[in-house]
Amino acid sequence: MENHTLFDEERMTSTVELEKFKKLEDKIKVIVDEKVSLKKQIHILEETLKNKEAELEGVKDKLKALDEERNSVRARVDALLELIADIDSVK
């Protein structure tokens, strides 16, 4: 009988150890899955950032062109105002 009890204890210990190992294995799988998910998110965010940076450069270029156009228009208006002032001074 004592031999039988010892066998049962060893089997229970083995079962407990297997359960602990299974829990550890499950936790590791969850961590690996989270890592994969986070890597995908990082990739998506990096792509989004890259696209936004390109978009920002495009907007900066457009703003520069608009500033140059505004300065050109301002210079032309100033020249026209000078012509009008010259006309008024001739009268």
Protein backbone atom coordinates (compact mmCIF):
# COMPACT_ATOMS: atom_id res chain seq x y z
CA MET A 1 0.00 0.00 0.00
CA GLU A 2 2.82 2.35 0.82
CA ASN A 3 4.29 1.81 -2.62
CA HIS A 4 0.97 2.71 -4.20
CA THR A 5 0.75 5.94 -2.16
CA LEU A 6 4.28 6.94 -3.18
CA PHE A 7 3.39 6.37 -6.82
CA ASP A 8 0.25 8.51 -6.47
CA GLU A 9 2.25 11.32 -4.84
CA GLU A 10 4.82 11.23 -7.61
CA ARG A 11 2.08 11.25 -10.22
CA MET A 12 0.38 14.23 -8.52
CA THR A 13 3.69 16.06 -8.28
CA SER A 14 4.33 15.34 -11.93
CA THR A 15 0.83 16.58 -12.82
CA VAL A 16 1.36 19.77 -10.80
CA GLU A 17 4.70 20.34 -12.50
CA LEU A 18 3.12 19.76 -15.92
CA GLU A 19 0.37 22.26 -15.09
CA LYS A 20 2.98 24.82 -14.04
CA PHE A 21 4.90 24.18 -17.24
CA LYS A 22 1.69 24.52 -19.28
CA LYS A 23 0.92 27.86 -17.59
CA LEU A 24 4.44 29.06 -18.31
CA GLU A 25 4.14 27.91 -21.88
CA ASP A 26 0.82 29.75 -22.26
CA LYS A 27 2.31 32.93 -20.82
CA ILE A 28 5.24 32.72 -23.22
CA LYS A 29 2.84 32.24 -26.15
CA VAL A 30 0.88 35.34 -25.06
CA ILE A 31 4.10 37.35 -24.84
CA VAL A 32 5.24 36.19 -28.27
CA ASP A 33 1.83 37.03 -29.76
CA GLU A 34 1.95 40.48 -28.16
CA LYS A 35 5.44 41.02 -29.54
CA VAL A 36 4.28 40.11 -33.05
CA SER A 37 1.29 42.41 -32.69
CA LEU A 38 3.45 45.27 -31.42
CA LYS A 39 5.92 44.80 -34.28
CA LYS A 40 3.02 45.06 -36.75
CA GLN A 41 1.77 48.20 -35.01
CA ILE A 42 5.26 49.69 -35.08
CA HIS A 43 5.54 48.97 -38.80
CA ILE A 44 2.15 50.57 -39.46
CA LEU A 45 3.05 53.62 -37.38
CA GLU A 46 6.44 53.96 -39.09
CA GLU A 47 4.74 53.86 -42.49
CA THR A 48 2.18 56.42 -41.36
CA LEU A 49 4.96 58.67 -40.05
CA LYS A 50 6.88 58.30 -43.31
CA ASN A 51 3.77 59.25 -45.30
CA LYS A 52 3.02 62.22 -43.04
CA GLU A 53 6.61 63.45 -43.32
CA ALA A 54 6.35 63.28 -47.12
CA GLU A 55 3.01 65.09 -46.95
CA LEU A 56 4.55 67.73 -44.70
CA GLU A 57 7.39 68.29 -47.16
CA GLY A 58 4.83 68.73 -49.93
CA VAL A 59 2.92 71.27 -47.86
CA LYS A 60 6.15 73.11 -47.03
CA ASP A 61 7.02 73.29 -50.73
CA LYS A 62 3.54 74.57 -51.55
CA LEU A 63 3.74 77.17 -48.77
CA LYS A 64 7.12 78.33 -50.06
CA ALA A 65 5.66 78.70 -53.56
CA LEU A 66 2.68 80.63 -52.19
CA ASP A 67 4.98 82.93 -50.19
CA GLU A 68 7.02 83.61 -53.31
CA GLU A 69 3.85 84.31 -55.28
CA ARG A 70 2.58 86.64 -52.54
CA ASN A 71 5.88 88.53 -52.53
CA SER A 72 5.74 88.83 -56.30
CA VAL A 73 2.16 90.14 -56.17
CA ARG A 74 3.13 92.54 -53.37
CA ALA A 75 6.02 93.90 -55.45
CA ARG A 76 3.75 94.38 -58.45
CA VAL A 77 1.11 96.15 -56.32
CA ASP A 78 3.81 98.39 -54.84
CA ALA A 79 5.01 99.22 -58.37
CA LEU A 80 1.45 100.04 -59.43
CA LEU A 81 0.96 102.24 -56.36
CA GLU A 82 4.15 104.10 -57.23
CA LEU A 83 2.88 104.63 -60.80
CA ILE A 84 -0.42 105.97 -59.42
CA ALA A 85 1.51 108.27 -57.06
CA ASP A 86 3.60 109.51 -60.00
CA ILE A 87 0.41 110.18 -61.98
CA ASP A 88 -1.05 112.13 -59.05
CA SER A 89 2.15 114.16 -58.66
CA VAL A 90 2.15 115.08 -62.38
CA LYS A 91 -1.37 116.59 -62.18
